[in-house]
Structures are given as structure tokens and as C-alpha cells.
PDB file of all heavy atoms in Angstrom:
ATOM      1  N   ALA A   1     234.410 115.007 -56.180  1.00  0.00           N
ATOM      2  CA  ALA A   1     233.241 114.133 -56.051  1.00  0.00           C
ATOM      3  C   ALA A   1     232.875 113.924 -54.582  1.00  0.00           C
ATOM      4  O   ALA A   1     231.690 113.884 -54.224  1.00  0.00           O
ATOM      5  CB  ALA A   1     233.517 112.794 -56.733  1.00  0.00           C
ATOM      6  N   GLY A   2     233.895 113.780 -53.709  1.00  0.00           N
ATOM      7  CA  GLY A   2     233.616 113.643 -52.285  1.00  0.00           C
ATOM      8  C   GLY A   2     232.983 114.888 -51.706  1.00  0.00           C
ATOM      9  O   GLY A   2     232.058 114.817 -50.888  1.00  0.00           O
ATOM     10  N   ARG A   3     233.472 116.052 -52.125  1.00  0.00           N
ATOM     11  CA  ARG A   3     232.867 117.310 -51.680  1.00  0.00           C
ATOM     12  C   ARG A   3     231.410 117.391 -52.104  1.00  0.00           C
ATOM     13  O   ARG A   3     230.529 117.787 -51.323  1.00  0.00           O
ATOM     14  CB  ARG A   3     233.652 118.478 -52.254  1.00  0.00           C
ATOM     15  CG  ARG A   3     233.090 119.859 -51.901  1.00  0.00           C
ATOM     16  CD  ARG A   3     233.595 120.890 -52.874  1.00  0.00           C
ATOM     17  NE  ARG A   3     233.073 120.674 -54.215  1.00  0.00           N
ATOM     18  CZ  ARG A   3     233.669 121.119 -55.308  1.00  0.00           C
ATOM     19  NH1 ARG A   3     234.822 121.770 -55.241  1.00  0.00           N
ATOM     20  NH2 ARG A   3     233.120 120.908 -56.496  1.00  0.00           N
ATOM     21  N   ASP A   4     231.134 117.026 -53.349  1.00  0.00           N
ATOM     22  CA  ASP A   4     229.757 117.085 -53.833  1.00  0.00           C
ATOM     23  C   ASP A   4     228.863 116.116 -53.061  1.00  0.00           C
ATOM     24  O   ASP A   4     227.681 116.404 -52.815  1.00  0.00           O
ATOM     25  CB  ASP A   4     229.714 116.769 -55.326  1.00  0.00           C
ATOM     26  CG  ASP A   4     230.399 117.845 -56.156  1.00  0.00           C
ATOM     27  OD1 ASP A   4     230.557 118.972 -55.642  1.00  0.00           O
ATOM     28  OD2 ASP A   4     230.772 117.551 -57.307  1.00  0.00           O
ATOM     29  N   LEU A   5     229.427 114.956 -52.667  1.00  0.00           N
ATOM     30  CA  LEU A   5     228.646 114.010 -51.864  1.00  0.00           C
ATOM     31  C   LEU A   5     228.315 114.602 -50.502  1.00  0.00           C
ATOM     32  O   LEU A   5     227.200 114.472 -50.003  1.00  0.00           O
ATOM     33  CB  LEU A   5     229.418 112.703 -51.705  1.00  0.00           C
ATOM     34  CG  LEU A   5     228.754 111.638 -50.811  1.00  0.00           C
ATOM     35  CD1 LEU A   5     227.410 111.217 -51.390  1.00  0.00           C
ATOM     36  CD2 LEU A   5     229.667 110.429 -50.635  1.00  0.00           C
ATOM     37  N   LEU A   6     229.283 115.283 -49.885  1.00  0.00           N
ATOM     38  CA  LEU A   6     229.034 115.921 -48.594  1.00  0.00           C
ATOM     39  C   LEU A   6     227.957 116.986 -48.706  1.00  0.00           C
ATOM     40  O   LEU A   6     227.040 117.059 -47.880  1.00  0.00           O
ATOM     41  CB  LEU A   6     230.327 116.530 -48.062  1.00  0.00           C
ATOM     42  CG  LEU A   6     230.180 117.379 -46.790  1.00  0.00           C
ATOM     43  CD1 LEU A   6     229.710 116.526 -45.628  1.00  0.00           C
ATOM     44  CD2 LEU A   6     231.496 118.073 -46.451  1.00  0.00           C
ATOM     45  N   LEU A   7     228.037 117.820 -49.731  1.00  0.00           N
ATOM     46  CA  LEU A   7     227.017 118.851 -49.920  1.00  0.00           C
ATOM     47  C   LEU A   7     225.646 118.226 -50.163  1.00  0.00           C
ATOM     48  O   LEU A   7     224.619 118.746 -49.690  1.00  0.00           O
ATOM     49  CB  LEU A   7     227.407 119.749 -51.092  1.00  0.00           C
ATOM     50  CG  LEU A   7     228.650 120.619 -50.881  1.00  0.00           C
ATOM     51  CD1 LEU A   7     229.019 121.350 -52.158  1.00  0.00           C
ATOM     52  CD2 LEU A   7     228.429 121.604 -49.746  1.00  0.00           C
ATOM     53  N   ALA A   8     225.627 117.101 -50.886  1.00  0.00           N
ATOM     54  CA  ALA A   8     224.360 116.406 -51.103  1.00  0.00           C
ATOM     55  C   ALA A   8     223.795 115.882 -49.787  1.00  0.00           C
ATOM     56  O   ALA A   8     222.574 115.894 -49.579  1.00  0.00           O
ATOM     57  CB  ALA A   8     224.559 115.262 -52.095  1.00  0.00           C
ATOM     58  N   GLN A   9     224.687 115.433 -48.874  1.00  0.00           N
ATOM     59  CA  GLN A   9     224.225 114.972 -47.567  1.00  0.00           C
ATOM     60  C   GLN A   9     223.635 116.115 -46.755  1.00  0.00           C
ATOM     61  O   GLN A   9     222.643 115.943 -46.045  1.00  0.00           O
ATOM     62  CB  GLN A   9     225.382 114.322 -46.813  1.00  0.00           C
ATOM     63  CG  GLN A   9     225.798 112.974 -47.363  1.00  0.00           C
ATOM     64  CD  GLN A   9     224.686 111.952 -47.257  1.00  0.00           C
ATOM     65  OE1 GLN A   9     224.082 111.789 -46.211  1.00  0.00           O
ATOM     66  NE2 GLN A   9     224.396 111.282 -48.365  1.00  0.00           N
ATOM     67  N   ILE A  10     224.241 117.299 -46.851  1.00  0.00           N
ATOM     68  CA  ILE A  10     223.692 118.463 -46.146  1.00  0.00           C
ATOM     69  C   ILE A  10     222.301 118.785 -46.684  1.00  0.00           C
ATOM     70  O   ILE A  10     221.357 119.034 -45.923  1.00  0.00           O
ATOM     71  CB  ILE A  10     224.644 119.663 -46.294  1.00  0.00           C
ATOM     72  CG1 ILE A  10     225.972 119.382 -45.587  1.00  0.00           C
ATOM     73  CG2 ILE A  10     223.997 120.929 -45.753  1.00  0.00           C
ATOM     74  CD1 ILE A  10     227.000 120.472 -45.761  1.00  0.00           C
ATOM     75  N   LYS A  11     222.157 118.793 -48.001  1.00  0.00           N
ATOM     76  CA  LYS A  11     220.856 119.075 -48.605  1.00  0.00           C
ATOM     77  C   LYS A  11     219.827 118.017 -48.217  1.00  0.00           C
ATOM     78  O   LYS A  11     218.656 118.326 -47.975  1.00  0.00           O
ATOM     79  CB  LYS A  11     220.987 119.144 -50.125  1.00  0.00           C
ATOM     80  CG  LYS A  11     221.798 120.327 -50.623  1.00  0.00           C
ATOM     81  CD  LYS A  11     221.917 120.335 -52.135  1.00  0.00           C
ATOM     82  CE  LYS A  11     220.581 120.535 -52.801  1.00  0.00           C
ATOM     83  NZ  LYS A  11     220.707 120.696 -54.272  1.00  0.00           N
ATOM     84  N   ALA A  12     220.255 116.743 -48.144  1.00  0.00           N
ATOM     85  CA  ALA A  12     219.326 115.662 -47.824  1.00  0.00           C
ATOM     86  C   ALA A  12     218.811 115.763 -46.395  1.00  0.00           C
ATOM     87  O   ALA A  12     217.718 115.260 -46.105  1.00  0.00           O
ATOM     88  CB  ALA A  12     220.003 114.316 -48.049  1.00  0.00           C
ATOM     89  N   ARG A  13     219.565 116.386 -45.507  1.00  0.00           N
ATOM     90  CA  ARG A  13     219.153 116.481 -44.114  1.00  0.00           C
ATOM     91  C   ARG A  13     218.317 117.719 -43.822  1.00  0.00           C
ATOM     92  O   ARG A  13     217.920 117.942 -42.692  1.00  0.00           O
ATOM     93  CB  ARG A  13     220.394 116.436 -43.216  1.00  0.00           C
ATOM     94  CG  ARG A  13     220.883 115.016 -42.999  1.00  0.00           C
ATOM     95  CD  ARG A  13     222.320 114.934 -42.544  1.00  0.00           C
ATOM     96  NE  ARG A  13     222.694 113.574 -42.193  1.00  0.00           N
ATOM     97  CZ  ARG A  13     222.909 112.603 -43.064  1.00  0.00           C
ATOM     98  NH1 ARG A  13     222.778 112.846 -44.363  1.00  0.00           N
ATOM     99  NH2 ARG A  13     223.232 111.380 -42.670  1.00  0.00           N
ATOM    100  N   LEU A  14     218.070 118.525 -44.829  1.00  0.00           N
ATOM    101  CA  LEU A  14     217.173 119.661 -44.662  1.00  0.00           C
ATOM    102  C   LEU A  14     215.723 119.193 -44.704  1.00  0.00           C
ATOM    103  O   LEU A  14     215.399 118.206 -45.366  1.00  0.00           O
ATOM    104  CB  LEU A  14     217.414 120.692 -45.769  1.00  0.00           C
ATOM    105  CG  LEU A  14     218.776 121.386 -45.772  1.00  0.00           C
ATOM    106  CD1 LEU A  14     218.910 122.268 -47.008  1.00  0.00           C
ATOM    107  CD2 LEU A  14     218.982 122.202 -44.511  1.00  0.00           C
ATOM    108  N   PRO A  15     214.831 119.883 -44.006  1.00  0.00           N
ATOM    109  CA  PRO A  15     213.418 119.506 -44.075  1.00  0.00           C
ATOM    110  C   PRO A  15     212.835 119.780 -45.454  1.00  0.00           C
ATOM    111  O   PRO A  15     213.435 120.462 -46.297  1.00  0.00           O
ATOM    112  CB  PRO A  15     212.768 120.391 -43.003  1.00  0.00           C
ATOM    113  CG  PRO A  15     213.692 121.548 -42.851  1.00  0.00           C
ATOM    114  CD  PRO A  15     215.073 121.021 -43.101  1.00  0.00           C
ATOM    115  N   ALA A  16     211.638 119.256 -45.686  1.00  0.00           N
ATOM    116  CA  ALA A  16     211.007 119.388 -47.006  1.00  0.00           C
ATOM    117  C   ALA A  16     210.709 120.838 -47.352  1.00  0.00           C
ATOM    118  O   ALA A  16     210.620 121.182 -48.534  1.00  0.00           O
ATOM    119  CB  ALA A  16     209.728 118.557 -47.042  1.00  0.00           C
ATOM    120  N   THR A  17     210.563 121.697 -46.345  1.00  0.00           N
ATOM    121  CA  THR A  17     210.243 123.102 -46.595  1.00  0.00           C
ATOM    122  C   THR A  17     211.480 123.958 -46.846  1.00  0.00           C
ATOM    123  O   THR A  17     211.362 125.177 -46.981  1.00  0.00           O
ATOM    124  CB  THR A  17     209.468 123.683 -45.407  1.00  0.00           C
ATOM    125  OG1 THR A  17     210.231 123.500 -44.207  1.00  0.00           O
ATOM    126  CG2 THR A  17     208.123 122.989 -45.249  1.00  0.00           C
ATOM    127  N   ALA A  18     212.669 123.335 -46.889  1.00  0.00           N
ATOM    128  CA  ALA A  18     213.909 124.091 -47.076  1.00  0.00           C
ATOM    129  C   ALA A  18     214.613 123.649 -48.355  1.00  0.00           C
ATOM    130  O   ALA A  18     214.481 122.498 -48.787  1.00  0.00           O
ATOM    131  CB  ALA A  18     214.840 123.899 -45.880  1.00  0.00           C
ATOM    132  N   SER A  19     215.366 124.577 -48.951  1.00  0.00           N
ATOM    133  CA  SER A  19     216.143 124.264 -50.147  1.00  0.00           C
ATOM    134  C   SER A  19     217.450 125.035 -50.100  1.00  0.00           C
ATOM    135  O   SER A  19     217.538 126.119 -49.521  1.00  0.00           O
ATOM    136  CB  SER A  19     215.366 124.618 -51.414  1.00  0.00           C
ATOM    137  OG  SER A  19     215.165 126.021 -51.497  1.00  0.00           O
ATOM    138  N   LEU A  20     218.494 124.448 -50.713  1.00  0.00           N
ATOM    139  CA  LEU A  20     219.811 125.052 -50.733  1.00  0.00           C
ATOM    140  C   LEU A  20     220.426 124.843 -52.114  1.00  0.00           C
ATOM    141  O   LEU A  20     220.493 123.714 -52.602  1.00  0.00           O
ATOM    142  CB  LEU A  20     220.710 124.415 -49.666  1.00  0.00           C
ATOM    143  CG  LEU A  20     222.183 124.844 -49.670  1.00  0.00           C
ATOM    144  CD1 LEU A  20     222.315 126.327 -49.348  1.00  0.00           C
ATOM    145  CD2 LEU A  20     222.978 124.003 -48.670  1.00  0.00           C
ATOM    146  N   THR A  21     220.853 125.951 -52.742  1.00  0.00           N
ATOM    147  CA  THR A  21     221.520 125.875 -54.046  1.00  0.00           C
ATOM    148  C   THR A  21     222.740 126.787 -54.040  1.00  0.00           C
ATOM    149  O   THR A  21     222.863 127.681 -53.194  1.00  0.00           O
ATOM    150  CB  THR A  21     220.571 126.289 -55.188  1.00  0.00           C
ATOM    151  OG1 THR A  21     220.151 127.651 -54.979  1.00  0.00           O
ATOM    152  CG2 THR A  21     219.349 125.386 -55.238  1.00  0.00           C
ATOM    153  N   TRP A  22     223.651 126.554 -55.004  1.00  0.00           N
ATOM    154  CA  TRP A  22     224.817 127.394 -55.180  1.00  0.00           C
ATOM    155  C   TRP A  22     225.225 127.318 -56.644  1.00  0.00           C
ATOM    156  O   TRP A  22     224.949 126.347 -57.348  1.00  0.00           O
ATOM    157  CB  TRP A  22     225.959 126.941 -54.274  1.00  0.00           C
ATOM    158  CG  TRP A  22     226.326 125.501 -54.441  1.00  0.00           C
ATOM    159  CD1 TRP A  22     227.253 124.972 -55.278  1.00  0.00           C
ATOM    160  CD2 TRP A  22     225.729 124.388 -53.762  1.00  0.00           C
ATOM    161  NE1 TRP A  22     227.286 123.610 -55.167  1.00  0.00           N
ATOM    162  CE2 TRP A  22     226.358 123.220 -54.241  1.00  0.00           C
ATOM    163  CE3 TRP A  22     224.727 124.267 -52.793  1.00  0.00           C
ATOM    164  CZ2 TRP A  22     226.019 121.960 -53.790  1.00  0.00           C
ATOM    165  CZ3 TRP A  22     224.393 122.997 -52.340  1.00  0.00           C
ATOM    166  CH2 TRP A  22     225.041 121.871 -52.832  1.00  0.00           C
ATOM    167  N   SER A  23     225.893 128.367 -57.119  1.00  0.00           N
ATOM    168  CA  SER A  23     226.280 128.417 -58.534  1.00  0.00           C
ATOM    169  C   SER A  23     227.572 127.671 -58.800  1.00  0.00           C
ATOM    170  O   SER A  23     227.733 127.046 -59.862  1.00  0.00           O
ATOM    171  CB  SER A  23     226.408 129.872 -58.996  1.00  0.00           C
ATOM    172  OG  SER A  23     227.396 130.550 -58.231  1.00  0.00           O
ATOM    173  N   SER A  24     228.536 127.700 -57.879  1.00  0.00           N
ATOM    174  CA  SER A  24     229.792 126.990 -58.061  1.00  0.00           C
ATOM    175  C   SER A  24     230.427 126.746 -56.701  1.00  0.00           C
ATOM    176  O   SER A  24     230.093 127.413 -55.708  1.00  0.00           O
ATOM    177  CB  SER A  24     230.752 127.775 -58.961  1.00  0.00           C
ATOM    178  OG  SER A  24     231.084 129.016 -58.372  1.00  0.00           O
ATOM    179  N   ALA A  25     231.334 125.763 -56.661  1.00  0.00           N
ATOM    180  CA  ALA A  25     232.014 125.401 -55.418  1.00  0.00           C
ATOM    181  C   ALA A  25     233.498 125.222 -55.686  1.00  0.00           C
ATOM    182  O   ALA A  25     233.906 124.775 -56.752  1.00  0.00           O
ATOM    183  CB  ALA A  25     231.414 124.117 -54.835  1.00  0.00           C
TER     184      ALA A  25
END
């Protein structure tokens, strides 16, 4: 859950024109 929160923080700091996805971690 902590890892997923960190990844969510990385995604949140991307600009509106950027997106980041992954299939598994």
C-alpha cells in the first residue's frame, strides 16, 4: 500500500499533458 501511494504521488506530480501506467508492480 505504501508503494502504491508513492507511485500515486509520482503520477500526481506529472503535468496534465502526461500520463503513466503499468500492468503490475
